[in-house]
């Protein structure tokens, strides 16, 4: 998967938990919670949606790596590459 494909998947998952948000204005390094006013359940639903969409295991200890767009892309790209090589 490419960075762009992962970004599209992330934005689609965010749109599912925050449909009223203008995702085109998302700042890549600023927390989703801060920008989209997500609560803990919204964030958990986002992580579950990523898991289902990308078919990638995301341990709870890695959730902080999914707090903003750029770090999420980096994390998921590495995670997908690791899972594909095993």
N, C-alpha and C. Protein backbone atom coordinates (compact mmCIF):
# COMPACT_ATOMS: atom_id res chain seq x y z
N UNK A 1 0.84 -1.19 0.00
CA UNK A 1 0.00 0.00 0.00
C UNK A 1 0.88 1.25 0.00
N UNK A 2 0.43 2.26 -0.70
CA UNK A 2 1.20 3.51 -0.75
C UNK A 2 0.77 4.45 0.37
N UNK A 3 1.57 5.49 0.59
CA UNK A 3 1.22 6.52 1.59
C UNK A 3 -0.13 7.15 1.25
N UNK A 4 -0.35 7.42 -0.04
CA UNK A 4 -1.62 8.05 -0.44
C UNK A 4 -2.82 7.14 -0.17
N UNK A 5 -2.66 5.85 -0.44
CA UNK A 5 -3.75 4.91 -0.16
C UNK A 5 -4.03 4.82 1.33
N UNK A 6 -3.00 4.85 2.13
CA UNK A 6 -3.18 4.82 3.59
C UNK A 6 -3.85 6.10 4.06
N UNK A 7 -3.43 7.23 3.51
CA UNK A 7 -4.05 8.51 3.88
C UNK A 7 -5.53 8.50 3.55
N UNK A 8 -5.89 8.01 2.38
CA UNK A 8 -7.30 7.93 1.98
C UNK A 8 -8.08 7.05 2.95
N UNK A 9 -7.50 5.92 3.34
CA UNK A 9 -8.16 5.02 4.30
C UNK A 9 -8.35 5.70 5.65
N UNK A 10 -7.33 6.42 6.10
CA UNK A 10 -7.42 7.13 7.38
C UNK A 10 -8.54 8.17 7.31
N UNK A 11 -8.56 8.95 6.26
CA UNK A 11 -9.59 9.99 6.13
C UNK A 11 -10.99 9.39 6.04
N UNK A 12 -11.12 8.27 5.36
CA UNK A 12 -12.42 7.60 5.28
C UNK A 12 -12.86 7.13 6.67
N UNK A 13 -11.94 6.57 7.44
CA UNK A 13 -12.26 6.10 8.79
C UNK A 13 -12.60 7.27 9.71
N UNK A 14 -11.85 8.36 9.59
CA UNK A 14 -12.16 9.55 10.38
C UNK A 14 -13.53 10.10 10.01
N UNK A 15 -13.84 10.09 8.72
CA UNK A 15 -15.15 10.57 8.27
C UNK A 15 -16.28 9.74 8.84
N UNK A 16 -16.02 8.48 9.10
CA UNK A 16 -17.03 7.63 9.71
C UNK A 16 -17.34 7.97 11.15
N UNK A 17 -16.32 8.46 11.88
CA UNK A 17 -16.54 8.80 13.29
C UNK A 17 -16.80 10.29 13.49
N UNK A 18 -16.43 11.10 12.51
CA UNK A 18 -16.66 12.55 12.60
C UNK A 18 -17.18 13.06 11.27
N UNK A 19 -18.40 12.65 10.90
CA UNK A 19 -18.93 12.99 9.57
C UNK A 19 -19.10 14.49 9.33
N UNK A 20 -19.20 15.28 10.39
CA UNK A 20 -19.39 16.71 10.24
C UNK A 20 -18.07 17.45 10.02
N UNK A 21 -16.95 16.77 10.19
CA UNK A 21 -15.63 17.40 10.11
C UNK A 21 -15.24 17.70 8.67
N UNK A 22 -14.53 18.80 8.50
CA UNK A 22 -13.96 19.16 7.20
C UNK A 22 -12.55 18.59 7.16
N UNK A 23 -12.43 17.38 6.65
CA UNK A 23 -11.15 16.68 6.66
C UNK A 23 -10.13 17.28 5.70
N UNK A 24 -10.58 18.11 4.78
CA UNK A 24 -9.65 18.76 3.86
C UNK A 24 -8.80 19.82 4.57
N UNK A 25 -9.22 20.24 5.75
CA UNK A 25 -8.49 21.25 6.52
C UNK A 25 -7.64 20.64 7.62
N UNK A 26 -7.54 19.33 7.62
CA UNK A 26 -6.81 18.62 8.66
C UNK A 26 -5.32 18.95 8.60
N UNK A 27 -4.76 19.35 9.73
CA UNK A 27 -3.33 19.64 9.83
C UNK A 27 -2.61 18.32 10.11
N UNK A 28 -1.58 18.00 9.33
CA UNK A 28 -0.98 16.66 9.39
C UNK A 28 -0.28 16.29 10.69
N UNK A 29 0.13 17.26 11.49
CA UNK A 29 0.87 16.94 12.70
C UNK A 29 0.13 17.30 13.99
N UNK A 30 -1.10 17.78 13.84
CA UNK A 30 -1.90 18.17 15.01
C UNK A 30 -2.86 17.04 15.35
N UNK A 31 -3.02 16.78 16.62
CA UNK A 31 -3.85 15.70 17.12
C UNK A 31 -5.27 15.72 16.53
N UNK A 32 -5.73 14.52 16.16
CA UNK A 32 -7.12 14.38 15.68
C UNK A 32 -8.09 14.84 16.76
N UNK A 33 -7.81 14.47 17.99
CA UNK A 33 -8.71 14.85 19.10
C UNK A 33 -8.84 16.35 19.21
N UNK A 34 -7.73 17.05 19.05
CA UNK A 34 -7.74 18.50 19.13
C UNK A 34 -8.48 19.13 17.95
N UNK A 35 -8.23 18.62 16.76
CA UNK A 35 -8.82 19.22 15.55
C UNK A 35 -10.27 18.84 15.34
N UNK A 36 -10.61 17.60 15.70
CA UNK A 36 -11.95 17.09 15.39
C UNK A 36 -12.83 16.92 16.61
N UNK A 37 -12.28 17.29 17.77
CA UNK A 37 -13.02 17.19 19.03
C UNK A 37 -13.50 15.75 19.27
N UNK A 38 -12.60 14.78 19.04
CA UNK A 38 -12.95 13.38 19.26
C UNK A 38 -12.86 13.04 20.73
N UNK A 39 -13.81 12.27 21.21
CA UNK A 39 -13.68 11.75 22.57
C UNK A 39 -13.04 10.37 22.49
N UNK A 40 -12.87 9.73 23.63
CA UNK A 40 -12.15 8.44 23.66
C UNK A 40 -12.90 7.36 22.88
N UNK A 41 -14.21 7.38 22.91
CA UNK A 41 -14.99 6.38 22.14
C UNK A 41 -14.87 6.63 20.64
N UNK A 42 -14.88 7.89 20.24
CA UNK A 42 -14.69 8.21 18.82
C UNK A 42 -13.32 7.71 18.36
N UNK A 43 -12.30 7.95 19.18
CA UNK A 43 -10.96 7.51 18.80
C UNK A 43 -10.89 6.00 18.72
N UNK A 44 -11.51 5.31 19.66
CA UNK A 44 -11.52 3.85 19.63
C UNK A 44 -12.25 3.36 18.38
N UNK A 45 -13.36 3.97 18.03
CA UNK A 45 -14.08 3.61 16.81
C UNK A 45 -13.23 3.86 15.57
N UNK A 46 -12.44 4.91 15.58
CA UNK A 46 -11.51 5.19 14.49
C UNK A 46 -10.48 4.07 14.35
N UNK A 47 -9.90 3.65 15.47
CA UNK A 47 -8.90 2.58 15.44
C UNK A 47 -9.52 1.27 14.95
N UNK A 48 -10.71 0.96 15.42
CA UNK A 48 -11.40 -0.25 14.97
C UNK A 48 -11.67 -0.17 13.46
N UNK A 49 -12.08 0.99 12.99
CA UNK A 49 -12.34 1.16 11.56
C UNK A 49 -11.06 0.98 10.74
N UNK A 50 -9.94 1.49 11.26
CA UNK A 50 -8.65 1.28 10.58
C UNK A 50 -8.31 -0.20 10.52
N UNK A 51 -8.50 -0.87 11.63
CA UNK A 51 -8.22 -2.32 11.70
C UNK A 51 -9.05 -3.07 10.66
N UNK A 52 -10.33 -2.75 10.58
CA UNK A 52 -11.21 -3.45 9.64
C UNK A 52 -10.91 -3.06 8.19
N UNK A 53 -10.62 -1.81 7.95
CA UNK A 53 -10.37 -1.33 6.59
C UNK A 53 -9.05 -1.84 6.03
N UNK A 54 -8.00 -1.79 6.86
CA UNK A 54 -6.67 -2.15 6.39
C UNK A 54 -6.26 -3.57 6.75
N UNK A 55 -7.08 -4.21 7.57
CA UNK A 55 -6.78 -5.57 8.02
C UNK A 55 -5.41 -5.66 8.67
N UNK A 56 -5.18 -4.72 9.58
CA UNK A 56 -3.91 -4.66 10.29
C UNK A 56 -4.19 -4.70 11.79
N UNK A 57 -3.37 -5.46 12.50
CA UNK A 57 -3.48 -5.52 13.95
C UNK A 57 -2.86 -4.26 14.54
N UNK A 58 -3.57 -3.62 15.45
CA UNK A 58 -3.08 -2.41 16.10
C UNK A 58 -3.16 -2.63 17.61
N UNK A 59 -2.03 -2.95 18.23
CA UNK A 59 -2.05 -3.16 19.68
C UNK A 59 -2.41 -1.86 20.42
N UNK A 60 -3.07 -1.99 21.53
CA UNK A 60 -3.48 -0.82 22.30
C UNK A 60 -2.29 0.05 22.68
N UNK A 61 -1.15 -0.56 22.90
CA UNK A 61 0.05 0.22 23.25
C UNK A 61 0.51 1.13 22.11
N UNK A 62 0.05 0.87 20.90
CA UNK A 62 0.41 1.69 19.74
C UNK A 62 -0.60 2.79 19.44
N UNK A 63 -1.69 2.86 20.15
CA UNK A 63 -2.71 3.88 19.87
C UNK A 63 -2.14 5.30 19.85
N UNK A 64 -1.20 5.65 20.74
CA UNK A 64 -0.66 7.02 20.69
C UNK A 64 0.01 7.36 19.36
N UNK A 65 0.42 6.36 18.60
CA UNK A 65 1.05 6.59 17.31
C UNK A 65 0.03 6.97 16.23
N UNK A 66 -1.25 6.90 16.59
CA UNK A 66 -2.34 7.18 15.64
C UNK A 66 -3.07 8.47 15.98
N UNK A 67 -2.41 9.36 16.68
CA UNK A 67 -3.07 10.57 17.16
C UNK A 67 -3.17 11.70 16.15
N UNK A 68 -2.35 11.65 15.08
CA UNK A 68 -2.36 12.69 14.06
C UNK A 68 -2.14 12.05 12.69
N UNK A 69 -2.39 12.79 11.65
CA UNK A 69 -2.37 12.22 10.30
C UNK A 69 -1.00 11.69 9.88
N UNK A 70 0.03 12.52 9.91
CA UNK A 70 1.35 12.07 9.45
C UNK A 70 1.90 10.90 10.26
N UNK A 71 1.84 10.97 11.60
CA UNK A 71 2.32 9.82 12.37
C UNK A 71 1.50 8.56 12.11
N UNK A 72 0.22 8.72 11.86
CA UNK A 72 -0.63 7.56 11.56
C UNK A 72 -0.22 6.91 10.25
N UNK A 73 0.04 7.72 9.25
CA UNK A 73 0.47 7.19 7.95
C UNK A 73 1.79 6.44 8.12
N UNK A 74 2.74 7.06 8.81
CA UNK A 74 4.05 6.42 9.02
C UNK A 74 3.91 5.09 9.75
N UNK A 75 3.11 5.10 10.82
CA UNK A 75 2.92 3.89 11.62
C UNK A 75 2.26 2.78 10.79
N UNK A 76 1.19 3.12 10.11
CA UNK A 76 0.44 2.10 9.35
C UNK A 76 1.26 1.57 8.17
N UNK A 77 2.02 2.42 7.53
CA UNK A 77 2.86 1.97 6.44
C UNK A 77 3.88 0.95 6.94
N UNK A 78 4.54 1.27 8.04
CA UNK A 78 5.51 0.34 8.62
C UNK A 78 4.84 -0.94 9.09
N UNK A 79 3.68 -0.81 9.71
CA UNK A 79 2.96 -1.98 10.23
C UNK A 79 2.53 -2.91 9.08
N UNK A 80 2.02 -2.34 8.02
CA UNK A 80 1.58 -3.13 6.89
C UNK A 80 2.77 -3.83 6.21
N UNK A 81 3.88 -3.14 6.10
CA UNK A 81 5.07 -3.74 5.50
C UNK A 81 5.58 -4.90 6.36
N UNK A 82 5.54 -4.73 7.68
CA UNK A 82 5.98 -5.78 8.60
C UNK A 82 5.08 -6.99 8.49
N UNK A 83 3.77 -6.76 8.46
CA UNK A 83 2.82 -7.89 8.39
C UNK A 83 2.90 -8.61 7.05
N UNK A 84 3.19 -7.90 5.99
CA UNK A 84 3.29 -8.52 4.67
C UNK A 84 4.55 -9.37 4.55
N UNK A 85 5.59 -9.00 5.27
CA UNK A 85 6.85 -9.74 5.16
C UNK A 85 6.89 -10.97 6.06
N UNK A 86 5.91 -11.13 6.93
CA UNK A 86 5.89 -12.30 7.81
C UNK A 86 4.99 -13.39 7.28
